[in-house]
Amino acid sequence: MATVLDQHKRDTIPPRIGPGGDDGGPEDHGAAFPISKGRVGLWVLMAAIVMLFGGLSSAYIVLRGVPEWQNIAIPSILWLNTAVLLASSTTIEAARRFLRHDRQEAMKTWLTISGVFGLLFLIGQIIAWRQLVAAGVYLPSTLHSSFFYVLTGLHGIHLLGGVIAMAYVLNKGLKNQITPVRHESLTLCATYWHFMDGLWVYLFVLLVLA
């Protein structure tokens, strides 16, 4: 009789099908899909970005050896831009740390600072392009200038997407929809932001120091 009742309980208890909620609650590691769709989507996006910039940087490295190659003077403001972007990674980690300690207002403040740093970086990139134009260096001027505009422009577009994502996360924070338990949107945003920072460091070395 006990065996029959146990079997009945197992048949009637609904299965758990995945992570708790759409913003990163406690995960059921025994579920069929222990990884959220947001994380899968982010990794697919970053893989596509790696392939895009990998192909372009490979062409850049190959074409550097052709006789037609002419180096351009890289605007010095890129050093400042790089420092600002690296600082933004520090501030977004500060926001995550304050959230872990349930300090919501501090989290919102540091997330806002991160977004401001991101916008300052983009403004600095526009200034760098304007400096090149003022020096008579345009997209088709040389192979080096073409790669510079294309690589930095594509990175800027993807970073702008990160700023928009950060604004979305901040809006959720202002509505108190991000907590120490439910914080996947902030985690995904920080992961993408660190990825874009690392990509910029690679491009900076490729375009300026290599």
Protein backbone atom coordinates (compact mmCIF):
# COMPACT_ATOMS: atom_id res chain seq x y z
CA MET A 1 0.00 0.00 0.00
CA ALA A 2 2.82 2.43 0.89
CA THR A 3 4.53 1.67 -2.42
CA VAL A 4 1.35 2.52 -4.34
CA LEU A 5 0.98 5.85 -2.47
CA ASP A 6 4.63 6.78 -3.09
CA GLN A 7 4.21 6.07 -6.80
CA HIS A 8 1.06 8.22 -6.86
CA LYS A 9 2.94 11.14 -5.27
CA ARG A 10 5.76 10.88 -7.81
CA ASP A 11 3.27 10.88 -10.67
CA THR A 12 1.33 13.90 -9.44
CA ILE A 13 4.17 16.26 -8.41
CA PRO A 14 4.87 18.62 -11.36
CA PRO A 15 8.48 18.63 -12.61
CA ARG A 16 10.76 21.62 -12.18
CA ILE A 17 11.76 22.83 -15.60
CA GLY A 18 14.49 25.38 -15.19
CA PRO A 19 15.98 28.42 -13.44
CA GLY A 20 13.78 30.37 -11.06
CA GLY A 21 12.25 33.24 -12.98
CA ASP A 22 13.53 35.25 -15.92
CA ASP A 23 16.10 37.26 -14.01
CA GLY A 24 18.34 34.73 -12.36
CA GLY A 25 16.74 33.13 -9.33
CA PRO A 26 18.19 29.98 -7.78
CA GLU A 27 18.83 27.40 -10.44
CA ASP A 28 17.75 23.76 -10.43
CA HIS A 29 20.90 22.04 -11.59
CA GLY A 30 19.01 18.81 -12.12
CA ALA A 31 16.64 20.41 -14.60
CA ALA A 32 16.73 19.80 -18.32
CA PHE A 33 17.87 23.40 -19.01
CA PRO A 34 20.09 24.56 -16.10
CA ILE A 35 21.43 27.52 -18.14
CA SER A 36 19.09 30.42 -18.88
CA LYS A 37 18.24 31.49 -22.41
CA GLY A 38 19.78 34.88 -21.66
CA ARG A 39 23.18 33.35 -20.95
CA VAL A 40 23.04 31.17 -24.03
CA GLY A 41 22.09 34.17 -26.16
CA LEU A 42 24.91 36.25 -24.73
CA TRP A 43 27.54 33.59 -25.42
CA VAL A 44 26.26 33.18 -28.98
CA LEU A 45 26.45 36.96 -29.47
CA MET A 46 29.98 37.18 -28.10
CA ALA A 47 31.08 34.24 -30.27
CA ALA A 48 29.74 36.05 -33.34
CA ILE A 49 31.58 39.23 -32.36
CA VAL A 50 34.81 37.29 -31.87
CA MET A 51 34.48 35.80 -35.36
CA LEU A 52 33.76 39.22 -36.87
CA PHE A 53 36.73 40.96 -35.31
CA GLY A 54 38.92 37.89 -35.71
CA GLY A 55 38.39 37.95 -39.46
CA LEU A 56 39.00 41.70 -39.72
CA SER A 57 42.11 41.65 -37.56
CA SER A 58 43.50 38.71 -39.54
CA ALA A 59 43.09 40.72 -42.74
CA TYR A 60 44.71 43.69 -41.00
CA ILE A 61 47.76 41.64 -40.00
CA VAL A 62 48.14 40.15 -43.50
CA LEU A 63 47.79 43.48 -45.32
CA ARG A 64 50.33 45.21 -43.11
CA GLY A 65 52.99 43.49 -45.20
CA VAL A 66 51.91 44.87 -48.59
CA PRO A 67 53.97 47.68 -50.19
CA GLU A 68 50.94 50.00 -50.31
CA TRP A 69 50.63 50.04 -46.53
CA GLN A 70 51.09 53.46 -44.92
CA ASN A 71 50.85 53.99 -41.18
CA ILE A 72 48.80 56.90 -39.84
CA ALA A 73 49.38 58.94 -36.71
CA ILE A 74 47.04 57.56 -34.05
CA PRO A 75 45.30 60.26 -31.96
CA SER A 76 46.77 60.36 -28.45
CA ILE A 77 43.28 60.65 -26.93
CA LEU A 78 42.94 56.88 -27.41
CA TRP A 79 45.12 56.42 -24.34
CA LEU A 80 42.65 58.41 -22.26
CA ASN A 81 39.71 56.58 -23.85
CA THR A 82 41.27 53.26 -22.89
CA ALA A 83 41.76 54.37 -19.28
CA VAL A 84 38.12 55.51 -19.09
CA LEU A 85 36.84 52.20 -20.44
CA LEU A 86 38.96 50.17 -18.05
CA ALA A 87 37.66 52.32 -15.19
CA SER A 88 34.11 51.47 -16.26
CA SER A 89 34.81 47.78 -15.72
CA THR A 90 35.90 48.58 -12.17
CA THR A 91 32.77 50.60 -11.45
CA ILE A 92 30.36 47.99 -12.80
CA GLU A 93 32.03 45.40 -10.58
CA ALA A 94 31.56 47.81 -7.68
CA ALA A 95 27.85 47.90 -8.54
CA ARG A 96 27.69 44.10 -8.43
CA ARG A 97 29.54 44.00 -5.12
CA PHE A 98 27.15 46.48 -3.51
CA LEU A 99 24.19 44.48 -4.81
CA ARG A 100 25.55 41.34 -3.17
CA HIS A 101 25.47 43.26 0.12
CA ASP A 102 21.92 44.43 -0.67
CA ARG A 103 22.97 48.07 -0.95
CA GLN A 104 20.56 49.01 -3.70
CA GLU A 105 21.24 52.76 -3.83
CA ALA A 106 25.00 52.27 -4.06
CA MET A 107 24.48 49.70 -6.81
CA LYS A 108 22.41 52.18 -8.82
CA THR A 109 24.99 54.93 -8.31
CA TRP A 110 27.93 52.85 -9.50
CA LEU A 111 25.95 51.45 -12.41
CA THR A 112 25.13 55.02 -13.46
CA ILE A 113 28.82 55.94 -13.26
CA SER A 114 29.65 52.95 -15.46
CA GLY A 115 27.17 54.15 -18.09
CA VAL A 116 28.63 57.66 -17.97
CA PHE A 117 32.13 56.24 -18.49
CA GLY A 118 30.84 54.30 -21.48
CA LEU A 119 29.37 57.46 -23.01
CA LEU A 120 32.61 59.35 -22.33
CA PHE A 121 34.52 56.64 -24.17
CA LEU A 122 32.24 56.95 -27.19
CA ILE A 123 32.59 60.74 -27.15
CA GLY A 124 36.36 60.31 -26.98
CA GLN A 125 36.24 58.03 -30.02
CA ILE A 126 34.30 60.64 -31.97
CA ILE A 127 36.92 63.22 -30.99
CA ALA A 128 39.65 60.86 -32.25
CA TRP A 129 37.88 60.50 -35.61
CA ARG A 130 37.44 64.28 -35.88
CA GLN A 131 41.15 64.75 -35.17
CA LEU A 132 41.98 62.38 -38.00
CA VAL A 133 39.62 64.20 -40.35
CA ALA A 134 41.18 67.54 -39.36
CA ALA A 135 44.57 66.03 -40.27
CA GLY A 136 43.23 65.00 -43.68
CA VAL A 137 43.03 61.28 -42.83
CA TYR A 138 39.78 59.72 -44.05
CA LEU A 139 38.40 56.20 -44.33
CA PRO A 140 39.82 55.55 -47.84
CA SER A 141 43.07 57.47 -47.32
CA THR A 142 45.24 54.42 -46.56
CA LEU A 143 44.78 50.79 -45.64
CA HIS A 144 45.69 51.64 -42.06
CA SER A 145 43.10 54.41 -41.85
CA SER A 146 40.45 52.15 -43.38
CA PHE A 147 41.02 49.49 -40.76
CA PHE A 148 41.18 52.10 -38.01
CA TYR A 149 37.79 53.59 -38.86
CA VAL A 150 36.13 50.22 -39.47
CA LEU A 151 37.47 48.44 -36.36
CA THR A 152 36.91 51.33 -33.96
CA GLY A 153 33.52 52.10 -35.51
CA LEU A 154 32.27 48.54 -35.17
CA HIS A 155 33.53 48.37 -31.62
CA GLY A 156 31.79 51.65 -30.85
CA ILE A 157 28.47 50.33 -32.21
CA HIS A 158 28.71 47.20 -30.08
CA LEU A 159 29.72 49.23 -27.02
CA LEU A 160 26.73 51.52 -27.57
CA GLY A 161 24.61 48.38 -27.36
CA GLY A 162 26.21 47.73 -23.98
CA VAL A 163 25.36 51.25 -22.81
CA ILE A 164 21.73 50.70 -23.85
CA ALA A 165 21.70 47.39 -21.97
CA MET A 166 23.14 49.15 -18.93
CA ALA A 167 20.36 51.75 -19.10
CA TYR A 168 17.81 48.92 -19.23
CA VAL A 169 19.35 47.27 -16.16
CA LEU A 170 19.45 50.60 -14.32
CA ASN A 171 15.77 51.12 -15.10
CA LYS A 172 15.02 47.72 -13.56
CA GLY A 173 17.09 48.68 -10.55
CA LEU A 174 15.12 51.91 -10.12
CA LYS A 175 11.97 49.79 -10.06
CA ASN A 176 13.55 47.53 -7.43
CA GLN A 177 13.38 44.56 -9.80
CA ILE A 178 17.02 43.59 -9.17
CA THR A 179 17.88 41.95 -5.86
CA PRO A 180 20.77 39.90 -4.45
CA VAL A 181 18.78 36.82 -5.49
CA ARG A 182 17.38 37.95 -8.85
CA HIS A 183 20.19 39.69 -10.69
CA GLU A 184 20.82 37.87 -13.95
CA SER A 185 20.28 40.98 -16.07
CA LEU A 186 23.05 42.81 -14.20
CA THR A 187 25.35 39.78 -14.43
CA LEU A 188 24.82 39.44 -18.18
CA CYS A 189 25.33 43.16 -18.71
CA ALA A 190 28.58 43.12 -16.71
CA THR A 191 29.83 40.06 -18.62
CA TYR A 192 29.19 41.74 -21.97
CA TRP A 193 30.78 44.96 -20.75
CA HIS A 194 33.97 43.23 -19.62
CA PHE A 195 34.04 41.43 -22.96
CA MET A 196 33.84 44.73 -24.86
CA ASP A 197 36.58 46.19 -22.66
CA GLY A 198 38.83 43.23 -23.38
CA LEU A 199 38.07 43.52 -27.10
CA TRP A 200 39.04 47.17 -27.06
CA VAL A 201 42.36 46.45 -25.34
CA TYR A 202 43.08 43.92 -28.11
CA LEU A 203 42.19 46.47 -30.81
CA PHE A 204 44.22 49.17 -29.07
CA VAL A 205 47.31 46.96 -29.07
CA LEU A 206 46.66 45.96 -32.68
CA LEU A 207 46.12 49.49 -34.03
CA VAL A 208 48.38 51.57 -31.80
CA LEU A 209 51.17 49.46 -30.35
CA ALA A 210 51.68 46.64 -32.85
